[in-house]
N, C-alpha and C. Protein backbone atom coordinates (compact mmCIF):
# COMPACT_ATOMS: atom_id res chain seq x y z
N MET A 1 -23.42 -9.61 37.71
CA MET A 1 -21.98 -9.62 37.51
C MET A 1 -21.57 -8.32 36.81
N PRO A 2 -20.53 -7.63 37.31
CA PRO A 2 -20.12 -6.36 36.69
C PRO A 2 -19.50 -6.59 35.32
N ASN A 3 -19.70 -5.62 34.45
CA ASN A 3 -19.12 -5.66 33.12
C ASN A 3 -17.69 -5.14 33.20
N VAL A 4 -16.72 -5.97 32.89
CA VAL A 4 -15.32 -5.58 32.96
C VAL A 4 -14.75 -5.54 31.54
N ASP A 5 -14.38 -4.36 31.12
CA ASP A 5 -13.76 -4.20 29.81
C ASP A 5 -12.30 -3.85 30.00
N SER A 6 -11.48 -4.33 29.12
CA SER A 6 -10.08 -3.95 29.16
C SER A 6 -9.53 -3.92 27.74
N VAL A 7 -8.55 -3.10 27.55
CA VAL A 7 -7.91 -2.94 26.26
C VAL A 7 -6.41 -3.07 26.47
N LYS A 8 -5.77 -3.85 25.64
CA LYS A 8 -4.32 -3.92 25.65
C LYS A 8 -3.82 -3.08 24.47
N VAL A 9 -2.78 -2.32 24.73
CA VAL A 9 -2.22 -1.45 23.70
C VAL A 9 -0.83 -1.97 23.34
N ALA A 10 -0.62 -2.18 22.04
CA ALA A 10 0.66 -2.68 21.55
C ALA A 10 1.27 -1.68 20.58
N VAL A 11 2.59 -1.68 20.52
CA VAL A 11 3.31 -0.84 19.58
C VAL A 11 4.36 -1.72 18.90
N ARG A 12 4.61 -1.42 17.62
CA ARG A 12 5.62 -2.17 16.87
C ARG A 12 6.45 -1.19 16.06
N VAL A 13 7.76 -1.29 16.16
CA VAL A 13 8.65 -0.47 15.36
C VAL A 13 8.97 -1.28 14.11
N ARG A 14 8.50 -0.80 12.98
CA ARG A 14 8.65 -1.52 11.72
C ARG A 14 9.97 -1.17 11.04
N PRO A 15 10.38 -1.99 10.07
CA PRO A 15 11.58 -1.66 9.29
C PRO A 15 11.34 -0.41 8.44
N PHE A 16 12.41 0.28 8.08
CA PHE A 16 12.29 1.41 7.16
C PHE A 16 11.79 0.94 5.81
N SER A 17 10.99 1.77 5.17
CA SER A 17 10.59 1.52 3.78
C SER A 17 11.78 1.89 2.89
N GLN A 18 11.72 1.50 1.64
CA GLN A 18 12.81 1.83 0.71
C GLN A 18 12.95 3.34 0.57
N ARG A 19 11.84 4.05 0.58
CA ARG A 19 11.87 5.51 0.49
C ARG A 19 12.62 6.11 1.68
N GLU A 20 12.37 5.57 2.87
CA GLU A 20 13.05 6.06 4.06
C GLU A 20 14.55 5.74 4.02
N LYS A 21 14.89 4.56 3.52
CA LYS A 21 16.30 4.19 3.37
C LYS A 21 16.99 5.11 2.38
N ASP A 22 16.33 5.36 1.23
CA ASP A 22 16.91 6.22 0.20
C ASP A 22 17.12 7.64 0.70
N ALA A 23 16.27 8.09 1.61
CA ALA A 23 16.37 9.44 2.17
C ALA A 23 17.42 9.53 3.27
N GLY A 24 18.01 8.39 3.65
CA GLY A 24 19.02 8.38 4.71
C GLY A 24 18.44 8.58 6.10
N SER A 25 17.22 8.12 6.29
CA SER A 25 16.54 8.29 7.58
C SER A 25 17.30 7.57 8.69
N LYS A 26 17.23 8.13 9.88
CA LYS A 26 17.84 7.54 11.07
C LYS A 26 16.74 7.09 12.02
N CYS A 27 16.95 5.96 12.66
CA CYS A 27 15.98 5.45 13.63
C CYS A 27 16.10 6.28 14.91
N VAL A 28 14.97 6.84 15.36
CA VAL A 28 14.96 7.67 16.56
C VAL A 28 14.19 7.01 17.70
N ILE A 29 13.97 5.71 17.56
CA ILE A 29 13.20 4.94 18.53
C ILE A 29 14.12 3.93 19.21
N SER A 30 13.91 3.72 20.49
CA SER A 30 14.56 2.61 21.19
C SER A 30 13.53 1.97 22.10
N MET A 31 13.74 0.69 22.40
CA MET A 31 12.82 -0.04 23.26
C MET A 31 13.59 -0.76 24.35
N ASN A 32 12.98 -0.78 25.52
CA ASN A 32 13.50 -1.55 26.64
C ASN A 32 12.29 -2.17 27.31
N SER A 33 12.09 -3.45 27.09
CA SER A 33 10.92 -4.15 27.59
C SER A 33 9.68 -3.51 26.98
N ASN A 34 8.75 -3.02 27.80
CA ASN A 34 7.53 -2.41 27.27
C ASN A 34 7.62 -0.90 27.17
N SER A 35 8.78 -0.33 27.46
CA SER A 35 8.98 1.11 27.34
C SER A 35 9.57 1.44 25.98
N THR A 36 9.00 2.45 25.35
CA THR A 36 9.46 2.90 24.05
C THR A 36 9.85 4.36 24.17
N SER A 37 11.07 4.69 23.74
CA SER A 37 11.57 6.06 23.81
C SER A 37 11.74 6.62 22.41
N ILE A 38 11.37 7.88 22.26
CA ILE A 38 11.52 8.60 20.99
C ILE A 38 12.45 9.77 21.25
N TYR A 39 13.53 9.82 20.44
CA TYR A 39 14.53 10.87 20.57
C TYR A 39 14.28 11.93 19.50
N ASP A 40 14.42 13.19 19.88
CA ASP A 40 14.27 14.30 18.93
C ASP A 40 15.66 14.59 18.35
N PRO A 41 15.90 14.27 17.06
CA PRO A 41 17.24 14.46 16.49
C PRO A 41 17.62 15.94 16.37
N ARG A 42 16.64 16.84 16.38
CA ARG A 42 16.93 18.28 16.29
C ARG A 42 17.21 18.90 17.65
N ASN A 43 16.92 18.14 18.70
CA ASN A 43 17.09 18.65 20.06
C ASN A 43 17.73 17.56 20.91
N PRO A 44 19.05 17.36 20.79
CA PRO A 44 19.73 16.28 21.51
C PRO A 44 19.42 16.31 23.01
N GLY A 45 19.19 15.15 23.54
CA GLY A 45 18.87 15.03 24.96
C GLY A 45 17.39 15.11 25.26
N HIS A 46 16.60 15.47 24.27
CA HIS A 46 15.15 15.56 24.47
C HIS A 46 14.53 14.23 24.07
N THR A 47 13.98 13.53 25.04
CA THR A 47 13.43 12.19 24.83
C THR A 47 12.06 12.11 25.48
N LYS A 48 11.15 11.42 24.81
CA LYS A 48 9.85 11.11 25.40
C LYS A 48 9.75 9.60 25.50
N THR A 49 9.29 9.10 26.63
CA THR A 49 9.19 7.66 26.86
C THR A 49 7.74 7.31 27.18
N PHE A 50 7.28 6.24 26.56
CA PHE A 50 5.92 5.75 26.73
C PHE A 50 5.97 4.28 27.11
N THR A 51 4.99 3.83 27.87
CA THR A 51 4.92 2.43 28.26
C THR A 51 3.63 1.83 27.68
N PHE A 52 3.77 0.67 27.05
CA PHE A 52 2.65 -0.02 26.43
C PHE A 52 2.51 -1.41 27.06
N ASP A 53 1.36 -2.03 26.86
CA ASP A 53 1.16 -3.39 27.35
C ASP A 53 2.08 -4.36 26.62
N LEU A 54 2.22 -4.16 25.32
CA LEU A 54 3.07 -5.01 24.48
C LEU A 54 3.90 -4.12 23.58
N ALA A 55 5.17 -4.44 23.41
CA ALA A 55 6.06 -3.67 22.54
C ALA A 55 6.91 -4.63 21.73
N TYR A 56 6.95 -4.39 20.42
CA TYR A 56 7.67 -5.29 19.51
C TYR A 56 8.65 -4.51 18.65
N TRP A 57 9.86 -5.04 18.56
CA TRP A 57 10.92 -4.44 17.76
C TRP A 57 11.04 -5.23 16.45
N SER A 58 10.77 -4.57 15.34
CA SER A 58 10.90 -5.21 14.03
C SER A 58 11.72 -4.36 13.07
N HIS A 59 12.43 -3.39 13.60
CA HIS A 59 13.17 -2.46 12.74
C HIS A 59 14.41 -3.08 12.13
N SER A 60 15.14 -3.87 12.89
CA SER A 60 16.38 -4.46 12.39
C SER A 60 16.54 -5.85 12.98
N GLY A 61 17.57 -6.54 12.54
CA GLY A 61 17.82 -7.87 13.07
C GLY A 61 17.06 -8.94 12.30
N PHE A 62 16.81 -8.69 11.01
CA PHE A 62 16.06 -9.65 10.22
C PHE A 62 16.72 -9.89 8.87
N LEU A 63 16.34 -10.99 8.28
CA LEU A 63 16.75 -11.36 6.92
C LEU A 63 15.50 -11.81 6.17
N LYS A 64 15.57 -11.85 4.85
CA LYS A 64 14.47 -12.41 4.07
C LYS A 64 14.78 -13.89 3.83
N ASP A 65 13.77 -14.75 4.07
CA ASP A 65 13.96 -16.17 3.81
C ASP A 65 13.69 -16.46 2.33
N GLU A 66 13.71 -17.73 1.95
CA GLU A 66 13.54 -18.11 0.55
C GLU A 66 12.17 -17.74 -0.01
N ASN A 67 11.20 -17.49 0.87
CA ASN A 67 9.86 -17.09 0.43
C ASN A 67 9.66 -15.58 0.48
N GLY A 68 10.72 -14.84 0.82
CA GLY A 68 10.61 -13.39 0.91
C GLY A 68 10.06 -12.89 2.24
N MET A 69 9.87 -13.81 3.20
CA MET A 69 9.36 -13.42 4.52
C MET A 69 10.52 -12.93 5.38
N LEU A 70 10.25 -11.96 6.25
CA LEU A 70 11.27 -11.47 7.17
C LEU A 70 11.35 -12.41 8.36
N VAL A 71 12.55 -12.88 8.65
CA VAL A 71 12.77 -13.79 9.77
C VAL A 71 13.94 -13.27 10.60
N SER A 72 13.99 -13.68 11.85
CA SER A 72 15.03 -13.24 12.76
C SER A 72 16.42 -13.63 12.25
N ALA A 73 17.36 -12.71 12.37
CA ALA A 73 18.75 -12.98 11.98
C ALA A 73 19.57 -13.29 13.22
N GLY A 74 18.95 -13.97 14.18
CA GLY A 74 19.66 -14.35 15.38
C GLY A 74 19.39 -13.41 16.55
N SER A 75 18.68 -12.33 16.30
CA SER A 75 18.36 -11.39 17.37
C SER A 75 17.07 -11.82 18.04
N ASN A 76 17.13 -12.13 19.33
CA ASN A 76 15.93 -12.55 20.05
C ASN A 76 14.92 -11.42 20.18
N SER A 77 15.37 -10.18 20.00
CA SER A 77 14.46 -9.06 20.18
C SER A 77 13.62 -8.80 18.94
N TYR A 78 14.02 -9.33 17.77
CA TYR A 78 13.27 -9.08 16.55
C TYR A 78 11.91 -9.79 16.59
N ALA A 79 10.85 -9.05 16.28
CA ALA A 79 9.50 -9.61 16.30
C ALA A 79 8.95 -9.66 14.88
N GLY A 80 8.86 -10.86 14.34
CA GLY A 80 8.26 -11.05 13.03
C GLY A 80 6.75 -11.24 13.16
N GLN A 81 6.09 -11.39 12.03
CA GLN A 81 4.63 -11.54 12.01
C GLN A 81 4.16 -12.71 12.87
N VAL A 82 4.85 -13.83 12.78
CA VAL A 82 4.41 -15.02 13.52
C VAL A 82 4.44 -14.74 15.03
N ARG A 83 5.50 -14.09 15.50
CA ARG A 83 5.60 -13.78 16.93
C ARG A 83 4.49 -12.82 17.35
N LEU A 84 4.18 -11.82 16.54
CA LEU A 84 3.12 -10.86 16.88
C LEU A 84 1.78 -11.56 17.00
N TYR A 85 1.44 -12.37 16.02
CA TYR A 85 0.12 -13.02 16.04
C TYR A 85 0.02 -14.09 17.11
N SER A 86 1.13 -14.70 17.49
CA SER A 86 1.06 -15.73 18.53
C SER A 86 0.88 -15.10 19.92
N LYS A 87 1.21 -13.81 20.07
CA LYS A 87 1.09 -13.13 21.36
C LYS A 87 -0.24 -12.42 21.52
N SER A 88 -0.98 -12.24 20.44
CA SER A 88 -2.23 -11.46 20.55
C SER A 88 -3.37 -12.26 21.10
């Protein structure tokens, strides 16, 4: 029987850290299904797009629950820890 190996590649856009928020950072990432695009803020119109097996958006659309965990704020696109681990 032949040896068949495969690797799935996943990407996740995380929320800004407090340092990034304090610095006034802007999100330069967008996702559409499994495609992830990165925009160059210094060169408008210059975009690179990559496709992954799995892509998760966790940058916005969340609230902290009573235990301090990040949970969806009604956005179906937000991927919290539970959703990530249930898909792996």
